[in-house]
C-alpha atoms as a PDB file:
ATOM      1  CA  MET A   1     -69.274  -3.113  -6.666  1.00  0.00           C
ATOM      2  CA  ILE A   2     -72.100  -5.488  -5.735  1.00  0.00           C
ATOM      3  CA  PHE A   3     -71.048  -7.918  -8.647  1.00  0.00           C
ATOM      4  CA  MET A   4     -67.468  -7.851  -6.950  1.00  0.00           C
ATOM      5  CA  VAL A   5     -69.262  -9.207  -3.435  1.00  0.00           C
ATOM      6  CA  GLN A   6     -71.242 -11.506  -5.586  1.00  0.00           C
ATOM      7  CA  LEU A   7     -68.222 -12.895  -7.073  1.00  0.00           C
ATOM      8  CA  GLY A   8     -66.902 -13.607  -3.783  1.00  0.00           C
ATOM      9  CA  TYR A   9     -64.329 -10.555  -3.180  1.00  0.00           C
ATOM     10  CA  SER A  10     -63.796  -9.377   0.228  1.00  0.00           C
ATOM     11  CA  TYR A  11     -65.872  -6.476   1.254  1.00  0.00           C
ATOM     12  CA  TRP A  12     -62.341  -4.559   2.353  1.00  0.00           C
ATOM     13  CA  ILE A  13     -61.204  -5.129  -1.484  1.00  0.00           C
ATOM     14  CA  VAL A  14     -64.276  -3.623  -2.756  1.00  0.00           C
ATOM     15  CA  LEU A  15     -64.464  -0.916  -0.019  1.00  0.00           C
ATOM     16  CA  VAL A  16     -60.679   0.073  -1.041  1.00  0.00           C
ATOM     17  CA  LEU A  17     -61.531   0.156  -4.835  1.00  0.00           C
ATOM     18  CA  SER A  18     -64.711   1.992  -4.137  1.00  0.00           C
ATOM     19  CA  LEU A  19     -62.668   5.205  -3.155  1.00  0.00           C
ATOM     20  CA  PRO A  20     -60.663   5.590  -6.370  1.00  0.00           C
ATOM     21  CA  ALA A  21     -64.023   4.704  -8.331  1.00  0.00           C
ATOM     22  CA  SER A  22     -65.788   7.661  -6.734  1.00  0.00           C
ATOM     23  CA  LEU A  23     -63.202  10.020  -6.995  1.00  0.00           C
ATOM     24  CA  LEU A  24     -63.168   9.333 -10.825  1.00  0.00           C
ATOM     25  CA  LEU A  25     -66.961   9.858 -11.029  1.00  0.00           C
ATOM     26  CA  VAL A  26     -66.518  13.230  -9.057  1.00  0.00           C
ATOM     27  CA  ARG A  27     -63.876  14.333 -11.572  1.00  0.00           C
ATOM     28  CA  ILE A  28     -66.121  13.208 -14.713  1.00  0.00           C
ATOM     29  CA  PHE A  29     -69.036  15.371 -13.243  1.00  0.00           C
ATOM     30  CA  ILE A  30     -66.462  18.399 -13.083  1.00  0.00           C
ATOM     31  CA  PHE A  31     -65.780  17.855 -16.902  1.00  0.00           C
ATOM     32  CA  PHE A  32     -69.538  17.823 -17.365  1.00  0.00           C
ATOM     33  CA  HIS A  33     -70.480  20.868 -15.213  1.00  0.00           C
ATOM     34  CA  ASP A  34     -67.786  22.826 -17.354  1.00  0.00           C
ATOM     35  CA  CYS A  35     -69.104  21.845 -20.465  1.00  0.00           C
ATOM     36  CA  CYS A  36     -72.559  22.837 -19.258  1.00  0.00           C
ATOM     37  CA  HIS A  37     -71.097  26.363 -19.000  1.00  0.00           C
ATOM     38  CA  ASN A  38     -69.086  25.942 -22.430  1.00  0.00           C
ATOM     39  CA  SER A  39     -65.815  26.812 -20.764  1.00  0.00           C
ATOM     40  CA  PHE A  40     -63.930  23.500 -21.152  1.00  0.00           C
ATOM     41  CA  PHE A  41     -63.198  23.878 -25.021  1.00  0.00           C
ATOM     42  CA  ALA A  42     -63.447  26.725 -27.090  1.00  0.00           C
ATOM     43  CA  SER A  43     -65.782  24.986 -29.580  1.00  0.00           C
ATOM     44  CA  ARG A  44     -69.492  24.963 -28.257  1.00  0.00           C
ATOM     45  CA  ARG A  45     -70.031  21.394 -30.206  1.00  0.00           C
ATOM     46  CA  ALA A  46     -67.023  19.580 -28.325  1.00  0.00           C
ATOM     47  CA  ASN A  47     -68.612  21.081 -24.871  1.00  0.00           C
ATOM     48  CA  ASN A  48     -71.641  19.507 -26.265  1.00  0.00           C
ATOM     49  CA  ILE A  49     -70.375  16.145 -27.175  1.00  0.00           C
ATOM     50  CA  LEU A  50     -68.201  15.885 -24.185  1.00  0.00           C
ATOM     51  CA  GLY A  51     -71.078  17.247 -21.846  1.00  0.00           C
ATOM     52  CA  TYR A  52     -73.547  14.319 -23.168  1.00  0.00           C
ATOM     53  CA  ILE A  53     -71.018  11.576 -22.905  1.00  0.00           C
ATOM     54  CA  SER A  54     -70.136  12.396 -19.376  1.00  0.00           C
ATOM     55  CA  GLY A  55     -73.867  13.190 -18.652  1.00  0.00           C
ATOM     56  CA  ILE A  56     -74.396   9.526 -19.462  1.00  0.00           C
ATOM     57  CA  ARG A  57     -71.509   8.446 -17.268  1.00  0.00           C
ATOM     58  CA  THR A  58     -72.587  10.324 -14.251  1.00  0.00           C
ATOM     59  CA  LEU A  59     -76.411   9.550 -14.799  1.00  0.00           C
ATOM     60  CA  THR A  60     -77.262  13.253 -15.093  1.00  0.00           C
ATOM     61  CA  PRO A  61     -79.208  14.621 -18.248  1.00  0.00           C
ATOM     62  CA  TYR A  62     -77.057  17.380 -20.104  1.00  0.00           C
ATOM     63  CA  ASP A  63     -80.010  19.304 -21.607  1.00  0.00           C
ATOM     64  CA  ASP A  64     -81.575  19.997 -18.370  1.00  0.00           C
ATOM     65  CA  VAL A  65     -78.429  21.583 -16.350  1.00  0.00           C
ATOM     66  CA  PRO A  66     -77.651  24.797 -18.538  1.00  0.00           C
ATOM     67  CA  THR A  67     -81.530  25.952 -17.595  1.00  0.00           C
ATOM     68  CA  ALA A  68     -81.358  24.744 -14.089  1.00  0.00           C
ATOM     69  CA  CYS A  69     -78.297  26.687 -13.485  1.00  0.00           C
ATOM     70  CA  ILE A  70     -79.864  29.706 -15.016  1.00  0.00           C
ATOM     71  CA  THR A  71     -82.958  29.396 -12.814  1.00  0.00           C
ATOM     72  CA  LEU A  72     -80.780  28.723  -9.901  1.00  0.00           C
ATOM     73  CA  ARG A  73     -78.845  31.979 -10.316  1.00  0.00           C
ATOM     74  CA  LEU A  74     -82.153  33.893 -10.831  1.00  0.00           C
ATOM     75  CA  LYS A  75     -83.555  32.988  -7.532  1.00  0.00           C
ATOM     76  CA  THR A  76     -80.257  33.557  -5.666  1.00  0.00           C
ATOM     77  CA  ARG A  77     -80.092  37.216  -7.167  1.00  0.00           C
ATOM     78  CA  ILE A  78     -83.632  37.644  -6.253  1.00  0.00           C
ATOM     79  CA  ALA A  79     -83.301  36.508  -2.779  1.00  0.00           C
ATOM     80  CA  GLY A  80     -80.240  38.192  -2.153  1.00  0.00           C
ATOM     81  CA  ALA A  81     -81.644  41.743  -3.393  1.00  0.00           C
END
């Protein structure tokens, strides 16, 4: 979006285009999160491939998320007990 402003586009056009771009990024993160739980595809390999690709797009490391989810669940169970 910064490049659009530098190229001379109006701030309003950039603002309007940033809304669908942000929604698309959220949707890609949802795919990423489902792949981390191995629930998007039946194949674990397919989940890993899409997880890595969508993780690159959302700037989130794919390898760290499953471990972080398990740790968070354990902390929540301990705190809630």
